Amino acid sequence: MSTPKPSNRPGRFLEWKVRIFGGGAVLALVGMYFGERWMTGLAIVVLLAGLVIRVVLERNPSGSLYADDDDEQNDVGTPSSEA
């Protein structure tokens, strides 16, 4: 089993993920400060939207979350044809 290597380039939708997280965090803090349950609930929905972007929209066709994965890197331990 190989571990995915981190990439030097930022992931897709990075700006949107940061904005959504920031907005959700501000909504949560304001909702807790004022004791508004609906605002805290809305913050949870906003944070879950960020999670959806992370999990669903960043999948590439191979099903991997990392766009840099090559099939060659995942074949650890298999003999190569270059022998």
N, C-alpha and C. Protein backbone atom coordinates (compact mmCIF):
# COMPACT_ATOMS: atom_id res chain seq x y z
N MET A 1 0.85 -1.17 0.00
CA MET A 1 0.00 0.00 0.00
C MET A 1 0.90 1.24 0.00
N SER A 2 0.67 2.10 -0.94
CA SER A 2 1.51 3.30 -1.01
C SER A 2 0.77 4.49 -0.42
N THR A 3 1.53 5.41 0.10
CA THR A 3 0.93 6.63 0.62
C THR A 3 1.02 7.71 -0.44
N PRO A 4 -0.01 8.53 -0.56
CA PRO A 4 0.02 9.59 -1.57
C PRO A 4 1.06 10.64 -1.21
N LYS A 5 1.78 11.08 -2.22
CA LYS A 5 2.78 12.11 -1.95
C LYS A 5 2.13 13.49 -2.08
N PRO A 6 2.48 14.40 -1.20
CA PRO A 6 1.91 15.74 -1.27
C PRO A 6 2.44 16.48 -2.50
N SER A 7 1.61 17.32 -3.01
CA SER A 7 1.95 18.08 -4.21
C SER A 7 2.39 19.49 -3.81
N ASN A 8 3.23 20.10 -4.63
CA ASN A 8 3.65 21.47 -4.36
C ASN A 8 2.63 22.49 -4.82
N ARG A 9 1.77 22.09 -5.72
CA ARG A 9 0.77 23.04 -6.21
C ARG A 9 -0.48 22.94 -5.35
N PRO A 10 -1.18 24.07 -5.20
CA PRO A 10 -2.38 24.04 -4.37
C PRO A 10 -3.48 23.23 -5.05
N GLY A 11 -4.36 22.66 -4.25
CA GLY A 11 -5.46 21.87 -4.78
C GLY A 11 -6.47 22.74 -5.50
N ARG A 12 -7.28 22.06 -6.28
CA ARG A 12 -8.35 22.79 -6.95
C ARG A 12 -9.31 23.33 -5.91
N PHE A 13 -9.91 24.44 -6.19
CA PHE A 13 -10.91 25.07 -5.33
C PHE A 13 -10.34 25.52 -4.00
N LEU A 14 -9.03 25.73 -3.91
CA LEU A 14 -8.43 26.12 -2.63
C LEU A 14 -9.00 27.44 -2.12
N GLU A 15 -9.11 28.43 -3.02
CA GLU A 15 -9.66 29.72 -2.59
C GLU A 15 -11.07 29.57 -2.05
N TRP A 16 -11.88 28.80 -2.74
CA TRP A 16 -13.27 28.62 -2.30
C TRP A 16 -13.34 27.86 -0.99
N LYS A 17 -12.48 26.88 -0.81
CA LYS A 17 -12.49 26.13 0.44
C LYS A 17 -12.11 27.04 1.60
N VAL A 18 -11.13 27.91 1.40
CA VAL A 18 -10.71 28.83 2.46
C VAL A 18 -11.82 29.82 2.77
N ARG A 19 -12.46 30.34 1.72
CA ARG A 19 -13.57 31.29 1.93
C ARG A 19 -14.73 30.64 2.66
N ILE A 20 -15.08 29.43 2.25
CA ILE A 20 -16.20 28.73 2.88
C ILE A 20 -15.88 28.43 4.33
N PHE A 21 -14.65 27.97 4.60
CA PHE A 21 -14.27 27.69 5.99
C PHE A 21 -14.31 28.97 6.82
N GLY A 22 -13.77 30.06 6.27
CA GLY A 22 -13.78 31.33 7.01
C GLY A 22 -15.19 31.82 7.30
N GLY A 23 -16.04 31.74 6.28
CA GLY A 23 -17.43 32.16 6.47
C GLY A 23 -18.15 31.29 7.49
N GLY A 24 -17.93 29.98 7.41
CA GLY A 24 -18.55 29.08 8.37
C GLY A 24 -18.05 29.32 9.78
N ALA A 25 -16.76 29.59 9.91
CA ALA A 25 -16.20 29.84 11.24
C ALA A 25 -16.77 31.13 11.83
N VAL A 26 -16.86 32.17 11.01
CA VAL A 26 -17.42 33.45 11.50
C VAL A 26 -18.88 33.27 11.88
N LEU A 27 -19.65 32.58 11.03
CA LEU A 27 -21.06 32.33 11.36
C LEU A 27 -21.19 31.55 12.67
N ALA A 28 -20.34 30.56 12.86
CA ALA A 28 -20.41 29.76 14.08
C ALA A 28 -20.10 30.61 15.31
N LEU A 29 -19.06 31.43 15.21
CA LEU A 29 -18.69 32.26 16.36
C LEU A 29 -19.76 33.30 16.68
N VAL A 30 -20.32 33.93 15.65
CA VAL A 30 -21.37 34.92 15.87
C VAL A 30 -22.62 34.24 16.42
N GLY A 31 -22.94 33.07 15.88
CA GLY A 31 -24.11 32.34 16.37
C GLY A 31 -23.96 31.92 17.82
N MET A 32 -22.76 31.50 18.20
CA MET A 32 -22.53 31.13 19.60
C MET A 32 -22.56 32.36 20.50
N TYR A 33 -22.01 33.47 20.03
CA TYR A 33 -21.97 34.68 20.84
C TYR A 33 -23.38 35.18 21.15
N PHE A 34 -24.22 35.23 20.12
CA PHE A 34 -25.58 35.73 20.30
C PHE A 34 -26.56 34.64 20.75
N GLY A 35 -26.12 33.40 20.79
CA GLY A 35 -26.98 32.32 21.22
C GLY A 35 -28.07 31.98 20.21
N GLU A 36 -27.80 32.24 18.95
CA GLU A 36 -28.77 31.95 17.89
C GLU A 36 -28.50 30.56 17.33
N ARG A 37 -29.39 29.62 17.62
CA ARG A 37 -29.20 28.25 17.16
C ARG A 37 -29.28 28.16 15.64
N TRP A 38 -30.13 28.97 15.01
CA TRP A 38 -30.27 28.89 13.55
C TRP A 38 -28.98 29.33 12.86
N MET A 39 -28.30 30.30 13.44
CA MET A 39 -27.06 30.78 12.84
C MET A 39 -25.95 29.74 12.99
N THR A 40 -25.91 29.08 14.13
CA THR A 40 -24.94 28.01 14.33
C THR A 40 -25.25 26.84 13.40
N GLY A 41 -26.51 26.54 13.22
CA GLY A 41 -26.91 25.50 12.27
C GLY A 41 -26.53 25.85 10.85
N LEU A 42 -26.71 27.11 10.48
CA LEU A 42 -26.30 27.57 9.15
C LEU A 42 -24.79 27.44 8.98
N ALA A 43 -24.04 27.71 10.03
CA ALA A 43 -22.59 27.56 9.97
C ALA A 43 -22.21 26.11 9.72
N ILE A 44 -22.92 25.18 10.34
CA ILE A 44 -22.65 23.76 10.10
C ILE A 44 -22.92 23.41 8.65
N VAL A 45 -24.00 23.94 8.09
CA VAL A 45 -24.32 23.68 6.68
C VAL A 45 -23.23 24.24 5.77
N VAL A 46 -22.75 25.43 6.07
CA VAL A 46 -21.69 26.04 5.26
C VAL A 46 -20.41 25.21 5.35
N LEU A 47 -20.06 24.76 6.54
CA LEU A 47 -18.86 23.94 6.69
C LEU A 47 -19.02 22.58 5.99
N LEU A 48 -20.20 22.02 6.00
CA LEU A 48 -20.44 20.78 5.27
C LEU A 48 -20.33 20.99 3.76
N ALA A 49 -20.70 22.19 3.28
CA ALA A 49 -20.54 22.49 1.86
C ALA A 49 -19.05 22.47 1.49
N GLY A 50 -18.21 22.98 2.37
CA GLY A 50 -16.77 22.91 2.14
C GLY A 50 -16.27 21.48 2.12
N LEU A 51 -16.84 20.64 2.96
CA LEU A 51 -16.48 19.23 2.98
C LEU A 51 -16.90 18.55 1.68
N VAL A 52 -18.06 18.91 1.16
CA VAL A 52 -18.52 18.35 -0.11
C VAL A 52 -17.56 18.72 -1.22
N ILE A 53 -17.11 19.97 -1.24
CA ILE A 53 -16.15 20.39 -2.25
C ILE A 53 -14.87 19.56 -2.13
N ARG A 54 -14.44 19.31 -0.92
CA ARG A 54 -13.21 18.55 -0.71
C ARG A 54 -13.34 17.10 -1.17
N VAL A 55 -14.43 16.46 -0.78
CA VAL A 55 -14.56 15.03 -1.02
C VAL A 55 -15.10 14.71 -2.40
N VAL A 56 -16.12 15.41 -2.84
CA VAL A 56 -16.81 15.03 -4.08
C VAL A 56 -16.18 15.69 -5.30
N LEU A 57 -16.00 16.98 -5.28
CA LEU A 57 -15.58 17.68 -6.48
C LEU A 57 -14.11 17.52 -6.81
N GLU A 58 -13.27 17.12 -5.87
CA GLU A 58 -11.86 16.98 -6.16
C GLU A 58 -11.47 15.59 -6.61
N ARG A 59 -12.40 14.67 -6.70
CA ARG A 59 -12.07 13.33 -7.18
C ARG A 59 -11.77 13.39 -8.67
N ASN A 60 -10.69 12.76 -9.05
CA ASN A 60 -10.40 12.67 -10.48
C ASN A 60 -11.01 11.37 -10.99
N PRO A 61 -11.03 11.14 -12.30
CA PRO A 61 -11.72 9.97 -12.84
C PRO A 61 -11.25 8.63 -12.29
N SER A 62 -10.02 8.54 -11.81
CA SER A 62 -9.53 7.27 -11.29
C SER A 62 -10.06 6.99 -9.88
N GLY A 63 -10.75 7.95 -9.29
CA GLY A 63 -11.30 7.77 -7.95
C GLY A 63 -10.37 8.23 -6.86
N SER A 64 -9.18 8.71 -7.21
CA SER A 64 -8.23 9.18 -6.23
C SER A 64 -8.50 10.63 -5.90
N LEU A 65 -8.24 11.02 -4.68
CA LEU A 65 -8.40 12.42 -4.30
C LEU A 65 -7.23 13.26 -4.74
N TYR A 66 -6.14 12.62 -5.14
CA TYR A 66 -4.93 13.35 -5.51
C TYR A 66 -4.72 13.25 -7.01
N ALA A 67 -4.67 14.39 -7.68
CA ALA A 67 -4.54 14.41 -9.13
C ALA A 67 -3.15 13.98 -9.59
N ASP A 68 -2.16 13.96 -8.69
CA ASP A 68 -0.79 13.65 -9.08
C ASP A 68 -0.48 12.16 -9.10
N ASP A 69 -1.40 11.33 -8.63
CA ASP A 69 -1.13 9.90 -8.56
C ASP A 69 -0.96 9.32 -9.95
N ASP A 70 0.12 8.62 -10.15
CA ASP A 70 0.35 7.89 -11.39
C ASP A 70 0.14 6.42 -11.11
N ASP A 71 -0.23 5.68 -12.14
CA ASP A 71 -0.41 4.24 -11.95
C ASP A 71 0.92 3.59 -11.59
N GLU A 72 2.03 4.13 -12.09
CA GLU A 72 3.34 3.56 -11.80
C GLU A 72 3.68 3.67 -10.32
N GLN A 73 3.28 4.76 -9.68
CA GLN A 73 3.58 4.93 -8.26
C GLN A 73 2.76 3.99 -7.41
N ASN A 74 1.58 3.60 -7.88
CA ASN A 74 0.71 2.73 -7.09
C ASN A 74 1.07 1.26 -7.25
N ASP A 75 1.96 0.93 -8.18
CA ASP A 75 2.33 -0.46 -8.43
C ASP A 75 3.57 -0.85 -7.64
N VAL A 76 3.62 -0.51 -6.39
CA VAL A 76 4.76 -0.82 -5.55
C VAL A 76 4.80 -2.33 -5.33
N GLY A 77 5.96 -2.93 -5.58
CA GLY A 77 6.12 -4.34 -5.34
C GLY A 77 5.80 -5.22 -6.53
N THR A 78 5.31 -4.64 -7.61
CA THR A 78 5.05 -5.45 -8.80
C THR A 78 6.27 -5.43 -9.68
N PRO A 79 6.62 -6.55 -10.28
CA PRO A 79 7.82 -6.58 -11.10
C PRO A 79 7.64 -5.77 -12.37
N SER A 80 8.69 -5.07 -12.75
CA SER A 80 8.61 -4.27 -13.98
C SER A 80 9.05 -5.11 -15.16
N SER A 81 8.71 -4.66 -16.36
CA SER A 81 9.04 -5.40 -17.57
C SER A 81 10.43 -5.03 -18.08
N GLU A 82 11.18 -4.20 -17.33
CA GLU A 82 12.49 -3.73 -17.75
C GLU A 82 13.61 -4.65 -17.27
N ALA A 83 13.33 -5.85 -16.83
CA ALA A 83 14.33 -6.75 -16.26
C ALA A 83 15.28 -7.22 -17.27
